Amino acid sequence: MHKITLLLLFICTTAGAQPPVMEVHANGFDPIEVSTPSIPIELFMKATDTWAYEYNRLKSPVDVTNTSANSITIRAYKKNAFFYRNRGEAFYYKIRYTMTITFHDNGYTIDFKVGDIYTDGDVLVKYKLPDYFTSSGKLKDGYEMLDKSLQKTVNDIVNSHYDFIIKQ
């Protein structure tokens, strides 16, 4: 009987938790709310700090800053964060991103910002994310796949964090 009660409790608490989905637009990504089972904020903070270093351990340096009682900011680089095809040739780019996570009861808010953009050879690009879009918010000609590849990368990052938190 106790096993059934525990199973039902687990299903009920995880049923409300949905993996985050971020969508790119001309100005970047809007902050999103993520629901999770109730976890103490201290555990969230410790787990997020651990995740940041583990996720970036072999990839790039990471800075964990602006830690407060309920928020944390992670700055890191992501190689091959997006690509676009122009005349059949693929161009790959690395980004420097900032992810601010603010914890609250039963969830958290993620604010994901794409900062600097670098070529595959680590050369800083003058373009910022909005420069790849028209004033009406559509991708400019010649940048096919940029939005889909960047959106996939960002969702991989935020879902990696989500999966790490949920398993705590």
N, C-alpha and C. Protein backbone atom coordinates (compact mmCIF):
# COMPACT_ATOMS: atom_id res chain seq x y z
N MET A 1 0.82 -1.20 0.00
CA MET A 1 0.00 0.00 0.00
C MET A 1 0.86 1.25 0.00
N HIS A 2 1.93 1.25 0.79
CA HIS A 2 2.79 2.42 0.86
C HIS A 2 3.49 2.66 -0.47
N LYS A 3 3.83 1.59 -1.17
CA LYS A 3 4.50 1.72 -2.46
C LYS A 3 3.58 2.40 -3.48
N ILE A 4 2.31 2.04 -3.44
CA ILE A 4 1.34 2.65 -4.37
C ILE A 4 1.18 4.13 -4.05
N THR A 5 1.10 4.47 -2.76
CA THR A 5 0.98 5.87 -2.35
C THR A 5 2.19 6.68 -2.80
N LEU A 6 3.39 6.13 -2.60
CA LEU A 6 4.60 6.82 -3.02
C LEU A 6 4.65 6.98 -4.54
N LEU A 7 4.23 5.96 -5.27
CA LEU A 7 4.21 6.03 -6.73
C LEU A 7 3.25 7.12 -7.20
N LEU A 8 2.07 7.16 -6.61
CA LEU A 8 1.09 8.19 -6.97
C LEU A 8 1.60 9.58 -6.63
N LEU A 9 2.26 9.74 -5.49
CA LEU A 9 2.82 11.03 -5.10
C LEU A 9 3.89 11.46 -6.11
N PHE A 10 4.75 10.54 -6.51
CA PHE A 10 5.80 10.84 -7.50
C PHE A 10 5.19 11.25 -8.83
N ILE A 11 4.18 10.52 -9.29
CA ILE A 11 3.54 10.83 -10.57
C ILE A 11 2.87 12.20 -10.52
N CYS A 12 2.21 12.50 -9.42
CA CYS A 12 1.52 13.79 -9.29
C CYS A 12 2.50 14.96 -9.27
N THR A 13 3.63 14.81 -8.59
CA THR A 13 4.58 15.92 -8.50
C THR A 13 5.36 16.10 -9.79
N THR A 14 5.62 15.01 -10.51
CA THR A 14 6.37 15.16 -11.76
C THR A 14 5.48 15.45 -12.95
N ALA A 15 4.18 15.16 -12.83
CA ALA A 15 3.26 15.42 -13.94
C ALA A 15 3.17 16.91 -14.25
N GLY A 16 3.25 17.76 -13.22
CA GLY A 16 3.18 19.19 -13.44
C GLY A 16 4.48 19.78 -13.95
N ALA A 17 5.55 19.06 -13.83
CA ALA A 17 6.85 19.55 -14.26
C ALA A 17 7.03 19.28 -15.75
N GLN A 18 7.21 20.32 -16.51
CA GLN A 18 7.39 20.20 -17.94
C GLN A 18 8.74 20.75 -18.34
N PRO A 19 9.45 20.06 -19.24
CA PRO A 19 10.75 20.59 -19.69
C PRO A 19 10.57 21.96 -20.34
N PRO A 20 11.54 22.84 -20.14
CA PRO A 20 11.43 24.18 -20.72
C PRO A 20 11.58 24.17 -22.24
N VAL A 21 10.92 25.10 -22.89
CA VAL A 21 11.06 25.28 -24.33
C VAL A 21 11.24 26.77 -24.58
N MET A 22 12.38 27.12 -25.18
CA MET A 22 12.67 28.51 -25.50
C MET A 22 12.59 28.70 -27.01
N GLU A 23 12.04 29.84 -27.42
CA GLU A 23 11.91 30.13 -28.85
C GLU A 23 12.67 31.41 -29.17
N VAL A 24 13.45 31.36 -30.23
CA VAL A 24 14.25 32.50 -30.64
C VAL A 24 13.40 33.44 -31.51
N HIS A 25 13.65 34.71 -31.36
CA HIS A 25 13.07 35.73 -32.23
C HIS A 25 14.13 36.81 -32.42
N ALA A 26 13.81 37.85 -33.10
CA ALA A 26 14.80 38.86 -33.49
C ALA A 26 15.58 39.44 -32.32
N ASN A 27 14.97 39.57 -31.17
CA ASN A 27 15.66 40.15 -30.01
C ASN A 27 16.22 39.10 -29.07
N GLY A 28 16.22 37.85 -29.47
CA GLY A 28 16.78 36.80 -28.63
C GLY A 28 15.70 35.88 -28.09
N PHE A 29 15.77 35.63 -26.80
CA PHE A 29 14.85 34.70 -26.15
C PHE A 29 14.14 35.42 -25.01
N ASP A 30 12.83 35.23 -24.93
CA ASP A 30 12.09 35.78 -23.80
C ASP A 30 12.32 34.89 -22.58
N PRO A 31 12.32 35.47 -21.38
CA PRO A 31 12.42 34.64 -20.17
C PRO A 31 11.23 33.68 -20.10
N ILE A 32 11.46 32.52 -19.55
CA ILE A 32 10.39 31.53 -19.41
C ILE A 32 10.29 31.05 -17.97
N GLU A 33 9.10 30.62 -17.60
CA GLU A 33 8.84 30.03 -16.30
C GLU A 33 8.90 28.52 -16.44
N VAL A 34 9.58 27.87 -15.51
CA VAL A 34 9.71 26.42 -15.53
C VAL A 34 9.14 25.87 -14.22
N SER A 35 8.24 24.92 -14.33
CA SER A 35 7.64 24.29 -13.15
C SER A 35 8.44 23.06 -12.77
N THR A 36 8.61 22.88 -11.47
CA THR A 36 9.30 21.69 -10.95
C THR A 36 8.59 21.25 -9.68
N PRO A 37 8.85 20.03 -9.28
CA PRO A 37 8.35 19.63 -7.96
C PRO A 37 9.00 20.54 -6.91
N SER A 38 8.37 20.66 -5.79
CA SER A 38 8.88 21.52 -4.72
C SER A 38 10.22 20.99 -4.22
N ILE A 39 11.24 21.81 -4.36
CA ILE A 39 12.59 21.49 -3.91
C ILE A 39 13.09 22.71 -3.14
N PRO A 40 13.76 22.52 -2.00
CA PRO A 40 14.27 23.68 -1.26
C PRO A 40 15.22 24.53 -2.12
N ILE A 41 15.11 25.84 -1.98
CA ILE A 41 15.92 26.76 -2.78
C ILE A 41 17.41 26.49 -2.59
N GLU A 42 17.82 26.15 -1.40
CA GLU A 42 19.24 25.86 -1.16
C GLU A 42 19.73 24.71 -2.03
N LEU A 43 18.90 23.70 -2.19
CA LEU A 43 19.24 22.56 -3.04
C LEU A 43 19.28 22.98 -4.51
N PHE A 44 18.33 23.83 -4.92
CA PHE A 44 18.33 24.37 -6.28
C PHE A 44 19.64 25.11 -6.56
N MET A 45 20.01 25.97 -5.64
CA MET A 45 21.23 26.79 -5.83
C MET A 45 22.46 25.91 -5.93
N LYS A 46 22.60 24.97 -5.03
CA LYS A 46 23.75 24.08 -5.04
C LYS A 46 23.76 23.22 -6.31
N ALA A 47 22.61 22.69 -6.68
CA ALA A 47 22.52 21.85 -7.88
C ALA A 47 22.82 22.66 -9.14
N THR A 48 22.34 23.89 -9.22
CA THR A 48 22.61 24.73 -10.40
C THR A 48 24.08 25.05 -10.51
N ASP A 49 24.71 25.38 -9.40
CA ASP A 49 26.15 25.65 -9.40
C ASP A 49 26.92 24.41 -9.86
N THR A 50 26.57 23.26 -9.33
CA THR A 50 27.22 22.00 -9.72
C THR A 50 26.99 21.72 -11.19
N TRP A 51 25.74 21.89 -11.65
CA TRP A 51 25.42 21.67 -13.07
C TRP A 51 26.27 22.56 -13.97
N ALA A 52 26.40 23.83 -13.63
CA ALA A 52 27.14 24.78 -14.48
C ALA A 52 28.57 24.31 -14.71
N TYR A 53 29.23 23.88 -13.66
CA TYR A 53 30.61 23.42 -13.79
C TYR A 53 30.70 22.06 -14.48
N GLU A 54 29.77 21.18 -14.18
CA GLU A 54 29.76 19.86 -14.83
C GLU A 54 29.46 19.98 -16.32
N TYR A 55 28.45 20.77 -16.67
CA TYR A 55 28.04 20.91 -18.07
C TYR A 55 29.15 21.51 -18.92
N ASN A 56 29.90 22.43 -18.37
CA ASN A 56 30.94 23.13 -19.12
C ASN A 56 32.35 22.58 -18.86
N ARG A 57 32.45 21.55 -18.07
CA ARG A 57 33.75 21.04 -17.63
C ARG A 57 34.74 20.84 -18.76
N LEU A 58 34.37 20.18 -19.81
CA LEU A 58 35.30 19.91 -20.91
C LEU A 58 35.04 20.80 -22.12
N LYS A 59 34.10 21.70 -22.02
CA LYS A 59 33.69 22.50 -23.17
C LYS A 59 34.30 23.90 -23.17
N SER A 60 34.14 24.60 -22.08
CA SER A 60 34.62 25.98 -22.02
C SER A 60 34.64 26.45 -20.57
N PRO A 61 35.35 27.56 -20.32
CA PRO A 61 35.31 28.11 -18.96
C PRO A 61 33.90 28.62 -18.64
N VAL A 62 33.57 28.61 -17.37
CA VAL A 62 32.26 29.09 -16.94
C VAL A 62 32.45 30.03 -15.76
N ASP A 63 31.63 31.07 -15.70
CA ASP A 63 31.60 31.97 -14.56
C ASP A 63 30.23 31.86 -13.91
N VAL A 64 30.21 31.60 -12.63
CA VAL A 64 28.97 31.59 -11.87
C VAL A 64 29.04 32.81 -10.96
N THR A 65 28.16 33.78 -11.21
CA THR A 65 28.22 35.06 -10.52
C THR A 65 26.83 35.48 -10.04
N ASN A 66 26.82 36.64 -9.41
CA ASN A 66 25.56 37.26 -8.96
C ASN A 66 24.68 36.28 -8.20
N THR A 67 25.30 35.47 -7.37
CA THR A 67 24.54 34.53 -6.56
C THR A 67 23.89 35.29 -5.41
N SER A 68 22.58 35.13 -5.31
CA SER A 68 21.84 35.76 -4.20
C SER A 68 21.06 34.65 -3.49
N ALA A 69 20.15 35.04 -2.66
CA ALA A 69 19.36 34.06 -1.93
C ALA A 69 18.49 33.21 -2.85
N ASN A 70 18.12 33.75 -4.02
CA ASN A 70 17.24 32.98 -4.90
C ASN A 70 17.59 33.10 -6.40
N SER A 71 18.75 33.62 -6.74
CA SER A 71 19.11 33.68 -8.16
C SER A 71 20.60 33.44 -8.37
N ILE A 72 20.92 33.07 -9.59
CA ILE A 72 22.30 32.77 -9.96
C ILE A 72 22.47 33.09 -11.45
N THR A 73 23.64 33.59 -11.82
CA THR A 73 23.92 33.92 -13.21
C THR A 73 25.10 33.07 -13.68
N ILE A 74 24.92 32.46 -14.84
CA ILE A 74 25.94 31.61 -15.43
C ILE A 74 26.35 32.22 -16.76
N ARG A 75 27.66 32.40 -16.93
CA ARG A 75 28.19 32.91 -18.20
C ARG A 75 29.15 31.87 -18.74
N ALA A 76 28.95 31.51 -20.01
CA ALA A 76 29.80 30.49 -20.62
C ALA A 76 29.78 30.66 -22.14
N TYR A 77 30.55 29.84 -22.79
CA TYR A 77 30.61 29.82 -24.25
C TYR A 77 30.04 28.49 -24.73
N LYS A 78 29.46 28.52 -25.91
CA LYS A 78 28.95 27.29 -26.52
C LYS A 78 29.47 27.23 -27.95
N LYS A 79 30.35 26.26 -28.20
CA LYS A 79 30.90 26.06 -29.53
C LYS A 79 29.82 25.44 -30.42
N ASN A 80 29.85 25.79 -31.70
CA ASN A 80 28.86 25.30 -32.67
C ASN A 80 27.44 25.55 -32.19
N ALA A 81 27.22 26.73 -31.66
CA ALA A 81 25.91 27.08 -31.11
C ALA A 81 24.87 27.24 -32.21
N PHE A 82 25.29 27.73 -33.36
CA PHE A 82 24.37 27.82 -34.48
C PHE A 82 25.17 27.81 -35.77
N PHE A 83 24.43 27.57 -36.84
CA PHE A 83 25.03 27.62 -38.16
C PHE A 83 24.00 28.17 -39.13
N TYR A 84 24.47 28.58 -40.26
CA TYR A 84 23.57 28.92 -41.36
C TYR A 84 24.22 28.48 -42.65
N ARG A 85 23.38 28.30 -43.63
CA ARG A 85 23.86 27.91 -44.95
C ARG A 85 23.64 29.06 -45.91
N ASN A 86 24.68 29.35 -46.66
CA ASN A 86 24.61 30.38 -47.68
C ASN A 86 25.26 29.83 -48.93
N ARG A 87 24.44 29.69 -49.97
CA ARG A 87 24.91 29.13 -51.24
C ARG A 87 25.52 27.75 -51.05
N GLY A 88 24.90 26.97 -50.19
CA GLY A 88 25.33 25.59 -49.97
C GLY A 88 26.46 25.41 -48.97
N GLU A 89 27.10 26.49 -48.57
CA GLU A 89 28.20 26.38 -47.61
C GLU A 89 27.68 26.65 -46.20
N ALA A 90 28.12 25.83 -45.26
CA ALA A 90 27.69 25.98 -43.86
C ALA A 90 28.73 26.79 -43.09
N PHE A 91 28.25 27.73 -42.28
CA PHE A 91 29.09 28.57 -41.43
C PHE A 91 28.68 28.33 -39.98
N TYR A 92 29.64 27.94 -39.13
CA TYR A 92 29.37 27.61 -37.74
C TYR A 92 29.89 28.73 -36.82
N TYR A 93 29.13 28.97 -35.74
CA TYR A 93 29.46 30.06 -34.83
C TYR A 93 29.39 29.61 -33.37
N LYS A 94 30.23 30.25 -32.58
CA LYS A 94 30.26 30.04 -31.13
C LYS A 94 29.61 31.27 -30.50
N ILE A 95 28.92 31.07 -29.38
CA ILE A 95 28.30 32.20 -28.68
C ILE A 95 28.83 32.28 -27.25
N ARG A 96 28.78 33.48 -26.73
CA ARG A 96 28.98 33.70 -25.30
C ARG A 96 27.59 34.01 -24.77
N TYR A 97 27.14 33.22 -23.82
CA TYR A 97 25.78 33.40 -23.32
C TYR A 97 25.76 33.68 -21.83
N THR A 98 24.65 34.28 -21.41
CA THR A 98 24.38 34.53 -20.00
C THR A 98 23.03 33.93 -19.69
N MET A 99 22.99 33.10 -18.67
CA MET A 99 21.76 32.46 -18.25
C MET A 99 21.53 32.83 -16.79
N THR A 100 20.49 33.61 -16.55
CA THR A 100 20.13 33.99 -15.18
C THR A 100 18.93 33.16 -14.76
N ILE A 101 19.09 32.49 -13.63
CA ILE A 101 18.04 31.61 -13.13
C ILE A 101 17.57 32.16 -11.78
N THR A 102 16.28 32.44 -11.70
CA THR A 102 15.69 32.94 -10.47
C THR A 102 14.73 31.89 -9.94
N PHE A 103 14.98 31.42 -8.74
CA PHE A 103 14.21 30.35 -8.14
C PHE A 103 13.02 30.91 -7.36
N HIS A 104 11.93 30.17 -7.39
CA HIS A 104 10.75 30.50 -6.59
C HIS A 104 10.04 29.19 -6.26
N ASP A 105 8.99 29.28 -5.48
CA ASP A 105 8.26 28.07 -5.09
C ASP A 105 7.82 27.30 -6.33
N ASN A 106 8.11 26.02 -6.33
CA ASN A 106 7.69 25.10 -7.39
C ASN A 106 8.20 25.45 -8.78
N GLY A 107 9.35 26.10 -8.87
CA GLY A 107 9.90 26.36 -10.18
C GLY A 107 10.94 27.45 -10.20
N TYR A 108 11.23 27.90 -11.40
CA TYR A 108 12.23 28.94 -11.59
C TYR A 108 12.01 29.64 -12.93
N THR A 109 12.63 30.78 -13.08
CA THR A 109 12.59 31.55 -14.32
C THR A 109 13.97 31.53 -14.94
N ILE A 110 14.03 31.30 -16.25
CA ILE A 110 15.30 31.34 -16.98
C ILE A 110 15.26 32.53 -17.92
N ASP A 111 16.30 33.35 -17.82
CA ASP A 111 16.50 34.46 -18.74
C ASP A 111 17.80 34.16 -19.49
N PHE A 112 17.69 33.80 -20.75
CA PHE A 112 18.84 33.38 -21.56
C PHE A 112 19.16 34.47 -22.57
N LYS A 113 20.38 34.98 -22.51
CA LYS A 113 20.82 36.05 -23.42
C LYS A 113 22.03 35.57 -24.23
N VAL A 114 21.97 35.81 -25.52
CA VAL A 114 23.12 35.55 -26.40
C VAL A 114 23.90 36.84 -26.47
N GLY A 115 25.16 36.79 -26.05
CA GLY A 115 26.01 37.98 -26.07
C GLY A 115 26.83 38.03 -27.34
N ASP A 116 28.12 37.86 -27.17
CA ASP A 116 29.04 37.91 -28.30
C ASP A 116 28.92 36.66 -29.16
N ILE A 117 29.19 36.85 -30.45
CA ILE A 117 29.18 35.76 -31.42
C ILE A 117 30.57 35.69 -32.03
N TYR A 118 31.08 34.47 -32.16
CA TYR A 118 32.43 34.25 -32.69
C TYR A 118 32.37 33.27 -33.86
N THR A 119 33.30 33.44 -34.80
CA THR A 119 33.41 32.47 -35.88
C THR A 119 33.94 31.17 -35.31
N ASP A 120 33.97 30.15 -36.15
CA ASP A 120 34.51 28.86 -35.74
C ASP A 120 35.98 28.99 -35.34
N GLY A 121 36.67 30.01 -35.86
CA GLY A 121 38.07 30.25 -35.53
C GLY A 121 38.26 31.23 -34.38
N ASP A 122 37.23 31.46 -33.56
CA ASP A 122 37.26 32.33 -32.38
C ASP A 122 37.50 33.80 -32.69
N VAL A 123 37.05 34.25 -33.85
CA VAL A 123 37.14 35.67 -34.20
C VAL A 123 35.79 36.31 -33.86
N LEU A 124 35.82 37.40 -33.07
CA LEU A 124 34.60 38.09 -32.69
C LEU A 124 33.91 38.66 -33.92
N VAL A 125 32.62 38.40 -34.05
CA VAL A 125 31.82 38.89 -35.17
C VAL A 125 31.19 40.22 -34.76
N LYS A 126 31.10 41.16 -35.68
CA LYS A 126 30.49 42.45 -35.36
C LYS A 126 28.98 42.34 -35.18
N TYR A 127 28.37 41.38 -35.85
CA TYR A 127 26.92 41.18 -35.75
C TYR A 127 26.53 40.71 -34.36
N LYS A 128 25.40 41.19 -33.89
CA LYS A 128 24.73 40.66 -32.70
C LYS A 128 23.50 39.92 -33.23
N LEU A 129 22.84 39.17 -32.40
CA LEU A 129 21.72 38.36 -32.85
C LEU A 129 20.66 39.15 -33.63
N PRO A 130 20.23 40.33 -33.18
CA PRO A 130 19.21 41.06 -33.94
C PRO A 130 19.64 41.43 -35.37
N ASP A 131 20.93 41.50 -35.62
CA ASP A 131 21.41 41.87 -36.95
C ASP A 131 21.12 40.81 -38.00
N TYR A 132 20.81 39.60 -37.60
CA TYR A 132 20.50 38.52 -38.54
C TYR A 132 19.03 38.53 -38.95
N PHE A 133 18.23 39.42 -38.36
CA PHE A 133 16.80 39.48 -38.61
C PHE A 133 16.42 40.81 -39.25
N THR A 134 15.33 40.80 -40.01
CA THR A 134 14.79 42.03 -40.58
C THR A 134 14.03 42.79 -39.49
N SER A 135 13.63 43.99 -39.79
CA SER A 135 12.87 44.79 -38.82
C SER A 135 11.51 44.17 -38.51
N SER A 136 11.01 43.32 -39.41
CA SER A 136 9.73 42.65 -39.16
C SER A 136 9.90 41.33 -38.39
N GLY A 137 11.16 41.00 -38.01
CA GLY A 137 11.39 39.82 -37.19
C GLY A 137 11.67 38.54 -37.97
N LYS A 138 11.78 38.63 -39.27
CA LYS A 138 12.09 37.45 -40.10
C LYS A 138 13.59 37.36 -40.30
N LEU A 139 14.08 36.13 -40.49
CA LEU A 139 15.50 35.96 -40.81
C LEU A 139 15.82 36.64 -42.13
N LYS A 140 16.97 37.29 -42.18
CA LYS A 140 17.41 37.88 -43.44
C LYS A 140 17.78 36.78 -44.42
N ASP A 141 17.70 37.09 -45.71
CA ASP A 141 18.10 36.14 -46.74
C ASP A 141 19.55 35.72 -46.53
N GLY A 142 19.82 34.45 -46.75
CA GLY A 142 21.18 33.93 -46.64
C GLY A 142 21.50 33.34 -45.28
N TYR A 143 20.56 33.38 -44.34
CA TYR A 143 20.82 32.86 -42.99
C TYR A 143 19.91 31.68 -42.64
N GLU A 144 19.59 30.87 -43.63
CA GLU A 144 18.73 29.72 -43.41
C GLU A 144 19.35 28.80 -42.35
N MET A 145 18.52 28.30 -41.48
CA MET A 145 18.85 27.36 -40.40
C MET A 145 19.44 28.03 -39.16
N LEU A 146 19.76 29.30 -39.20
CA LEU A 146 20.31 29.97 -38.02
C LEU A 146 19.35 29.86 -36.84
N ASP A 147 18.09 30.20 -37.05
CA ASP A 147 17.13 30.20 -35.95
C ASP A 147 16.89 28.80 -35.39
N LYS A 148 16.73 27.83 -36.26
CA LYS A 148 16.47 26.45 -35.80
C LYS A 148 17.67 25.87 -35.08
N SER A 149 18.87 26.12 -35.59
CA SER A 149 20.06 25.55 -34.95
C SER A 149 20.34 26.23 -33.61
N LEU A 150 20.16 27.55 -33.53
CA LEU A 150 20.37 28.25 -32.26
C LEU A 150 19.31 27.85 -31.24
N GLN A 151 18.09 27.74 -31.67
CA GLN A 151 17.01 27.35 -30.77
C GLN A 151 17.26 25.94 -30.23
N LYS A 152 17.73 25.03 -31.07
CA LYS A 152 18.04 23.67 -30.61
C LYS A 152 19.15 23.71 -29.56
N THR A 153 20.20 24.48 -29.81
CA THR A 153 21.32 24.57 -28.87
C THR A 153 20.87 25.12 -27.52
N VAL A 154 20.13 26.20 -27.54
CA VAL A 154 19.67 26.82 -26.30
C VAL A 154 18.75 25.87 -25.54
N ASN A 155 17.86 25.20 -26.24
CA ASN A 155 16.98 24.24 -25.57
C ASN A 155 17.77 23.05 -25.03
N ASP A 156 18.82 22.64 -25.70
CA ASP A 156 19.68 21.58 -25.15
C ASP A 156 20.32 22.03 -23.84
N ILE A 157 20.76 23.27 -23.78
CA ILE A 157 21.39 23.80 -22.56
C ILE A 157 20.38 23.88 -21.42
N VAL A 158 19.24 24.53 -21.66
CA VAL A 158 18.27 24.70 -20.57
C VAL A 158 17.63 23.38 -20.16
N ASN A 159 17.50 22.44 -21.10
CA ASN A 159 16.97 21.12 -20.73
C ASN A 159 17.98 20.28 -19.99
N SER A 160 19.26 20.47 -20.26
CA SER A 160 20.29 19.80 -19.48
C SER A 160 20.20 20.25 -18.02
N HIS A 161 20.05 21.55 -17.82
CA HIS A 161 19.89 22.08 -16.46
C HIS A 161 18.62 21.52 -15.82
N TYR A 162 17.53 21.56 -16.55
CA TYR A 162 16.25 21.06 -16.04
C TYR A 162 16.37 19.59 -15.61
N ASP A 163 16.95 18.76 -16.47
CA ASP A 163 17.10 17.34 -16.15
C ASP A 163 17.96 17.15 -14.89
N PHE A 164 19.00 17.95 -14.77
CA PHE A 164 19.87 17.87 -13.59
C PHE A 164 19.10 18.22 -12.32
N ILE A 165 18.29 19.27 -12.40
CA ILE A 165 17.50 19.71 -11.24
C ILE A 165 16.45 18.68 -10.87
N ILE A 166 15.75 18.16 -11.85
CA ILE A 166 14.68 17.19 -11.60
C ILE A 166 15.21 15.93 -10.93
N LYS A 167 16.43 15.55 -11.26
CA LYS A 167 16.99 14.32 -10.69
C LYS A 167 17.52 14.50 -9.27
N GLN A 168 17.46 15.71 -8.75
CA GLN A 168 17.94 15.97 -7.38
C GLN A 168 17.00 15.42 -6.35
